[in-house]
Amino acid sequence: MAIEPSLLDACTAHLKTCLQNIHKVIQRANEILCSISQPSVCSEVLLSSRGADYISGVVEVYRLSKRMEGGMRTHNMDCERLRFVLRDIELSWNNLQAFLSICPSLLQTLPSQSTLDDAAEYAVSDLSPCLQSCCGVCLLNIPVPEFPPDVKNGMINIGGRSYHPCCANFWLHCVDPILPVPTCHSSCSACVKLNKDEL
């Protein structure tokens, strides 16, 4: 089932805002490396502990874009506006990898593209999962744990909603100080059951 048009617009807006901020972070990394005129200096910066930590953070930001792409696939969200931003992210990421190629030892420490591509792990379904069971940022379905969310299952619970820690961290620091709370479609069987149980 596809997401209702009004909910799709809200989800698209929140995804687009986050993806645009992801693009800014990766583009900024490109600008920083481009501003270093000497390859030897660039290599020295990248091999320093601060440089390696910075690149590691940029990798995690890129990983978030792939996770969001997986959430879009899970919910059958195909929007031209989002595809354009995803394309820009990929172009910036490929450009960044070209800069990193001057430092092969650092490039080898980066996760492989298949590891980064969380989106490939999530199959498109005819039924969109309940948005209440998804990460509020990337919209990937979160399995219902047997125990309350904690560090063990990689999720945090804020205001009754679950988030991947890296998704919540990026949103709060780079997008908005208030986490998004996507609402589910009116015919969602999980939400209807939850509402009946609460009455």
C-alpha atoms as a PDB file:
ATOM      1  CA  MET A   1       0.000   0.000   0.000  1.00  0.00           C
ATOM      2  CA  ALA A   2       1.306   3.429  -0.886  1.00  0.00           C
ATOM      3  CA  ILE A   3       1.422   6.269   1.610  1.00  0.00           C
ATOM      4  CA  GLU A   4      -1.533   8.682   1.443  1.00  0.00           C
ATOM      5  CA  PRO A   5      -0.779  11.859  -0.595  1.00  0.00           C
ATOM      6  CA  SER A   6      -0.840  14.261   2.379  1.00  0.00           C
ATOM      7  CA  LEU A   7       1.444  11.976   4.404  1.00  0.00           C
ATOM      8  CA  LEU A   8       3.650  11.471   1.358  1.00  0.00           C
ATOM      9  CA  ASP A   9       4.117  15.243   1.065  1.00  0.00           C
ATOM     10  CA  ALA A  10       5.080  15.492   4.746  1.00  0.00           C
ATOM     11  CA  CYS A  11       7.463  12.510   4.501  1.00  0.00           C
ATOM     12  CA  THR A  12       8.946  13.848   1.273  1.00  0.00           C
ATOM     13  CA  ALA A  13       9.550  17.262   2.859  1.00  0.00           C
ATOM     14  CA  HIS A  14      11.274  15.766   5.899  1.00  0.00           C
ATOM     15  CA  LEU A  15      13.374  13.397   3.761  1.00  0.00           C
ATOM     16  CA  LYS A  16      14.325  16.177   1.340  1.00  0.00           C
ATOM     17  CA  THR A  17      15.389  18.502   4.165  1.00  0.00           C
ATOM     18  CA  CYS A  18      17.559  15.820   5.732  1.00  0.00           C
ATOM     19  CA  LEU A  19      19.051  14.724   2.391  1.00  0.00           C
ATOM     20  CA  GLN A  20      19.888  18.335   1.489  1.00  0.00           C
ATOM     21  CA  ASN A  21      21.767  18.679   4.778  1.00  0.00           C
ATOM     22  CA  ILE A  22      23.599  15.413   4.112  1.00  0.00           C
ATOM     23  CA  HIS A  23      24.620  16.819   0.729  1.00  0.00           C
ATOM     24  CA  LYS A  24      25.897  20.004   2.418  1.00  0.00           C
ATOM     25  CA  VAL A  25      28.104  17.993   4.787  1.00  0.00           C
ATOM     26  CA  ILE A  26      29.640  15.918   1.978  1.00  0.00           C
ATOM     27  CA  GLN A  27      29.998  18.972  -0.263  1.00  0.00           C
ATOM     28  CA  ARG A  28      31.729  20.855   2.573  1.00  0.00           C
ATOM     29  CA  ALA A  29      34.219  17.989   2.930  1.00  0.00           C
ATOM     30  CA  ASN A  30      34.930  18.305  -0.802  1.00  0.00           C
ATOM     31  CA  GLU A  31      35.453  22.064  -0.464  1.00  0.00           C
ATOM     32  CA  ILE A  32      37.853  21.611   2.449  1.00  0.00           C
ATOM     33  CA  LEU A  33      39.964  19.059   0.595  1.00  0.00           C
ATOM     34  CA  CYS A  34      39.838  21.071  -2.625  1.00  0.00           C
ATOM     35  CA  SER A  35      41.188  24.117  -0.783  1.00  0.00           C
ATOM     36  CA  ILE A  36      44.392  22.233   0.088  1.00  0.00           C
ATOM     37  CA  SER A  37      46.640  22.916  -2.895  1.00  0.00           C
ATOM     38  CA  GLN A  38      49.457  20.467  -2.137  1.00  0.00           C
ATOM     39  CA  PRO A  39      48.667  16.718  -2.373  1.00  0.00           C
ATOM     40  CA  SER A  40      51.309  15.973   0.273  1.00  0.00           C
ATOM     41  CA  VAL A  41      49.631  18.381   2.715  1.00  0.00           C
ATOM     42  CA  CYS A  42      46.216  16.912   1.901  1.00  0.00           C
ATOM     43  CA  SER A  43      47.575  13.423   2.544  1.00  0.00           C
ATOM     44  CA  GLU A  44      49.100  14.564   5.845  1.00  0.00           C
ATOM     45  CA  VAL A  45      45.773  16.078   6.922  1.00  0.00           C
ATOM     46  CA  LEU A  46      43.834  12.944   5.972  1.00  0.00           C
ATOM     47  CA  LEU A  47      46.259  10.661   7.802  1.00  0.00           C
ATOM     48  CA  SER A  48      46.157  12.704  11.015  1.00  0.00           C
ATOM     49  CA  SER A  49      43.855  11.414  13.739  1.00  0.00           C
ATOM     50  CA  ARG A  50      41.585  14.463  13.395  1.00  0.00           C
ATOM     51  CA  GLY A  51      41.466  14.081   9.609  1.00  0.00           C
ATOM     52  CA  ALA A  52      40.661  10.372   9.838  1.00  0.00           C
ATOM     53  CA  ASP A  53      37.949  11.080  12.436  1.00  0.00           C
ATOM     54  CA  TYR A  54      36.479  13.771  10.195  1.00  0.00           C
ATOM     55  CA  ILE A  55      36.360  11.446   7.182  1.00  0.00           C
ATOM     56  CA  SER A  56      34.866   8.707   9.371  1.00  0.00           C
ATOM     57  CA  GLY A  57      32.089  11.124  10.340  1.00  0.00           C
ATOM     58  CA  VAL A  58      31.458  12.018   6.695  1.00  0.00           C
ATOM     59  CA  VAL A  59      31.238   8.285   5.894  1.00  0.00           C
ATOM     60  CA  GLU A  60      28.555   7.915   8.578  1.00  0.00           C
ATOM     61  CA  VAL A  61      26.642  10.843   7.085  1.00  0.00           C
ATOM     62  CA  TYR A  62      26.796   9.184   3.660  1.00  0.00           C
ATOM     63  CA  ARG A  63      25.654   5.902   5.254  1.00  0.00           C
ATOM     64  CA  LEU A  64      22.599   7.778   6.563  1.00  0.00           C
ATOM     65  CA  SER A  65      21.714   8.823   3.004  1.00  0.00           C
ATOM     66  CA  LYS A  66      21.811   5.160   1.984  1.00  0.00           C
ATOM     67  CA  ARG A  67      19.651   4.231   4.965  1.00  0.00           C
ATOM     68  CA  MET A  68      17.143   6.915   3.948  1.00  0.00           C
ATOM     69  CA  GLU A  69      17.176   5.571   0.405  1.00  0.00           C
ATOM     70  CA  GLY A  70      16.291   2.173   1.890  1.00  0.00           C
ATOM     71  CA  GLY A  71      13.423   3.755   3.839  1.00  0.00           C
ATOM     72  CA  MET A  72      12.139   5.345   0.649  1.00  0.00           C
ATOM     73  CA  ARG A  73      12.210   1.971  -1.109  1.00  0.00           C
ATOM     74  CA  THR A  74      10.513   0.264   1.824  1.00  0.00           C
ATOM     75  CA  HIS A  75       7.625   2.737   1.608  1.00  0.00           C
ATOM     76  CA  ASN A  76       7.513   2.763  -2.208  1.00  0.00           C
ATOM     77  CA  MET A  77       8.330   6.469  -2.235  1.00  0.00           C
ATOM     78  CA  ASP A  78       9.519   7.495  -5.671  1.00  0.00           C
ATOM     79  CA  CYS A  79       9.765  11.244  -5.970  1.00  0.00           C
ATOM     80  CA  GLU A  80      11.721  13.207  -8.543  1.00  0.00           C
ATOM     81  CA  ARG A  81      12.703  15.859  -5.968  1.00  0.00           C
ATOM     82  CA  LEU A  82      14.264  13.199  -3.755  1.00  0.00           C
ATOM     83  CA  ARG A  83      15.974  11.439  -6.672  1.00  0.00           C
ATOM     84  CA  PHE A  84      17.687  14.729  -7.618  1.00  0.00           C
ATOM     85  CA  VAL A  85      19.042  15.220  -4.102  1.00  0.00           C
ATOM     86  CA  LEU A  86      20.173  11.582  -3.925  1.00  0.00           C
ATOM     87  CA  ARG A  87      21.942  12.036  -7.275  1.00  0.00           C
ATOM     88  CA  ASP A  88      23.712  15.156  -5.957  1.00  0.00           C
ATOM     89  CA  ILE A  89      24.801  13.225  -2.864  1.00  0.00           C
ATOM     90  CA  GLU A  90      26.217  10.419  -5.029  1.00  0.00           C
ATOM     91  CA  LEU A  91      28.104  12.910  -7.215  1.00  0.00           C
ATOM     92  CA  SER A  92      29.594  14.631  -4.163  1.00  0.00           C
ATOM     93  CA  TRP A  93      30.452  11.277  -2.587  1.00  0.00           C
ATOM     94  CA  ASN A  94      32.207  10.082  -5.755  1.00  0.00           C
ATOM     95  CA  ASN A  95      34.122  13.366  -5.902  1.00  0.00           C
ATOM     96  CA  LEU A  96      35.167  12.950  -2.266  1.00  0.00           C
ATOM     97  CA  GLN A  97      36.389   9.423  -2.969  1.00  0.00           C
ATOM     98  CA  ALA A  98      38.522  10.831  -5.787  1.00  0.00           C
ATOM     99  CA  PHE A  99      40.173  13.188  -3.267  1.00  0.00           C
ATOM    100  CA  LEU A 100      40.696  10.295  -0.873  1.00  0.00           C
ATOM    101  CA  SER A 101      42.455   8.303  -3.593  1.00  0.00           C
ATOM    102  CA  ILE A 102      45.579  10.426  -3.007  1.00  0.00           C
ATOM    103  CA  CYS A 103      45.773   8.617   0.312  1.00  0.00           C
ATOM    104  CA  PRO A 104      45.345   4.900  -0.539  1.00  0.00           C
ATOM    105  CA  SER A 105      45.847   3.732   3.049  1.00  0.00           C
ATOM    106  CA  LEU A 106      42.876   5.836   4.181  1.00  0.00           C
ATOM    107  CA  LEU A 107      40.777   4.822   1.178  1.00  0.00           C
ATOM    108  CA  GLN A 108      41.331   1.159   2.075  1.00  0.00           C
ATOM    109  CA  THR A 109      39.931   1.739   5.570  1.00  0.00           C
ATOM    110  CA  LEU A 110      36.607   2.973   4.186  1.00  0.00           C
ATOM    111  CA  PRO A 111      33.741   0.475   4.158  1.00  0.00           C
ATOM    112  CA  SER A 112      32.989  -1.074   0.776  1.00  0.00           C
ATOM    113  CA  GLN A 113      30.131   0.364  -1.263  1.00  0.00           C
ATOM    114  CA  SER A 114      28.066  -2.794  -0.645  1.00  0.00           C
ATOM    115  CA  THR A 115      28.536  -2.329   3.104  1.00  0.00           C
ATOM    116  CA  LEU A 116      27.494   1.309   2.871  1.00  0.00           C
ATOM    117  CA  ASP A 117      24.481   0.532   0.737  1.00  0.00           C
ATOM    118  CA  ASP A 118      21.992  -0.357   3.468  1.00  0.00           C
ATOM    119  CA  ALA A 119      19.303   0.400   0.883  1.00  0.00           C
ATOM    120  CA  ALA A 120      20.066  -2.829  -0.966  1.00  0.00           C
ATOM    121  CA  GLU A 121      19.117  -4.874   2.097  1.00  0.00           C
ATOM    122  CA  TYR A 122      15.512  -3.749   2.170  1.00  0.00           C
ATOM    123  CA  ALA A 123      13.098  -5.276  -0.292  1.00  0.00           C
ATOM    124  CA  VAL A 124      10.182  -3.312  -1.670  1.00  0.00           C
ATOM    125  CA  SER A 125       6.898  -4.677  -0.375  1.00  0.00           C
ATOM    126  CA  ASP A 126       3.310  -4.217  -1.485  1.00  0.00           C
ATOM    127  CA  LEU A 127       2.502  -3.257   2.089  1.00  0.00           C
ATOM    128  CA  SER A 128       4.215  -0.254   3.631  1.00  0.00           C
ATOM    129  CA  PRO A 129       5.210  -0.940   7.219  1.00  0.00           C
ATOM    130  CA  CYS A 130       3.604   1.117   9.937  1.00  0.00           C
ATOM    131  CA  LEU A 131       5.472   4.410  10.304  1.00  0.00           C
ATOM    132  CA  GLN A 132       5.166   4.017  14.083  1.00  0.00           C
ATOM    133  CA  SER A 133       7.530   1.024  13.843  1.00  0.00           C
ATOM    134  CA  CYS A 134      10.046   2.886  11.662  1.00  0.00           C
ATOM    135  CA  CYS A 135      12.935   5.137  12.567  1.00  0.00           C
ATOM    136  CA  GLY A 136      11.457   8.631  12.627  1.00  0.00           C
ATOM    137  CA  VAL A 137      14.284   9.969  10.427  1.00  0.00           C
ATOM    138  CA  CYS A 138      15.218   7.335   7.825  1.00  0.00           C
ATOM    139  CA  LEU A 139      11.836   5.536   7.824  1.00  0.00           C
ATOM    140  CA  LEU A 140      13.399   2.072   7.885  1.00  0.00           C
ATOM    141  CA  ASN A 141      11.248  -0.512   9.586  1.00  0.00           C
ATOM    142  CA  ILE A 142      12.449  -1.290  13.079  1.00  0.00           C
ATOM    143  CA  PRO A 143      11.844  -4.881  14.236  1.00  0.00           C
ATOM    144  CA  VAL A 144       9.773  -5.038  17.406  1.00  0.00           C
ATOM    145  CA  PRO A 145      12.278  -5.996  20.108  1.00  0.00           C
ATOM    146  CA  GLU A 146      11.502  -8.430  22.913  1.00  0.00           C
ATOM    147  CA  PHE A 147      13.017  -5.936  25.324  1.00  0.00           C
ATOM    148  CA  PRO A 148      12.733  -2.144  25.604  1.00  0.00           C
ATOM    149  CA  PRO A 149      14.909  -0.232  23.126  1.00  0.00           C
ATOM    150  CA  ASP A 150      18.454   0.163  24.357  1.00  0.00           C
ATOM    151  CA  VAL A 151      22.003   0.160  23.113  1.00  0.00           C
ATOM    152  CA  LYS A 152      21.911  -3.610  22.452  1.00  0.00           C
ATOM    153  CA  ASN A 153      19.415  -3.395  19.612  1.00  0.00           C
ATOM    154  CA  GLY A 154      20.889  -0.166  18.275  1.00  0.00           C
ATOM    155  CA  MET A 155      17.787   1.974  18.807  1.00  0.00           C
ATOM    156  CA  ILE A 156      16.930   4.850  21.098  1.00  0.00           C
ATOM    157  CA  ASN A 157      13.458   5.821  22.214  1.00  0.00           C
ATOM    158  CA  ILE A 158      12.623   9.524  22.419  1.00  0.00           C
ATOM    159  CA  GLY A 159       9.102  10.740  23.072  1.00  0.00           C
ATOM    160  CA  GLY A 160       7.611   7.323  22.389  1.00  0.00           C
ATOM    161  CA  ARG A 161       9.284   7.048  18.961  1.00  0.00           C
ATOM    162  CA  SER A 162      12.291   4.955  17.997  1.00  0.00           C
ATOM    163  CA  TYR A 163      15.305   6.277  16.120  1.00  0.00           C
ATOM    164  CA  HIS A 164      18.651   4.945  15.017  1.00  0.00           C
ATOM    165  CA  PRO A 165      21.163   6.878  17.161  1.00  0.00           C
ATOM    166  CA  CYS A 166      23.084   8.128  14.106  1.00  0.00           C
ATOM    167  CA  CYS A 167      19.840   9.284  12.448  1.00  0.00           C
ATOM    168  CA  ALA A 168      18.696  11.174  15.549  1.00  0.00           C
ATOM    169  CA  ASN A 169      22.173  12.636  16.074  1.00  0.00           C
ATOM    170  CA  PHE A 170      22.425  13.950  12.517  1.00  0.00           C
ATOM    171  CA  TRP A 171      18.894  15.370  12.572  1.00  0.00           C
ATOM    172  CA  LEU A 172      19.396  17.171  15.895  1.00  0.00           C
ATOM    173  CA  HIS A 173      22.818  18.597  14.998  1.00  0.00           C
ATOM    174  CA  CYS A 174      22.417  19.333  11.292  1.00  0.00           C
ATOM    175  CA  VAL A 175      18.714  19.663  10.491  1.00  0.00           C
ATOM    176  CA  ASP A 176      16.466  20.741  13.362  1.00  0.00           C
ATOM    177  CA  PRO A 177      16.527  20.646  17.188  1.00  0.00           C
ATOM    178  CA  ILE A 178      13.186  18.792  17.154  1.00  0.00           C
ATOM    179  CA  LEU A 179      13.102  15.220  15.857  1.00  0.00           C
ATOM    180  CA  PRO A 180      10.534  14.433  13.146  1.00  0.00           C
ATOM    181  CA  VAL A 181       7.493  12.360  14.065  1.00  0.00           C
ATOM    182  CA  PRO A 182       5.980  11.017  10.829  1.00  0.00           C
ATOM    183  CA  THR A 183       2.334  10.019  11.107  1.00  0.00           C
ATOM    184  CA  CYS A 184       0.972   6.815   9.676  1.00  0.00           C
ATOM    185  CA  HIS A 185      -1.727   6.351   7.047  1.00  0.00           C
ATOM    186  CA  SER A 186      -5.317   6.116   8.339  1.00  0.00           C
ATOM    187  CA  SER A 187      -5.802   2.495   7.270  1.00  0.00           C
ATOM    188  CA  CYS A 188      -2.669   1.179   8.973  1.00  0.00           C
ATOM    189  CA  SER A 189      -3.798  -1.997  10.765  1.00  0.00           C
ATOM    190  CA  ALA A 190      -1.031  -1.707  13.384  1.00  0.00           C
ATOM    191  CA  CYS A 191      -2.063   1.864  14.307  1.00  0.00           C
ATOM    192  CA  VAL A 192      -5.783   0.999  14.335  1.00  0.00           C
ATOM    193  CA  LYS A 193      -5.056  -1.905  16.718  1.00  0.00           C
ATOM    194  CA  LEU A 194      -2.802   0.297  18.872  1.00  0.00           C
ATOM    195  CA  ASN A 195      -5.507   2.988  19.112  1.00  0.00           C
ATOM    196  CA  LYS A 196      -8.135   0.377  20.109  1.00  0.00           C
ATOM    197  CA  ASP A 197      -5.811  -1.024  22.781  1.00  0.00           C
ATOM    198  CA  GLU A 198      -5.259   2.471  24.206  1.00  0.00           C
ATOM    199  CA  LEU A 199      -9.024   3.063  24.580  1.00  0.00           C
END
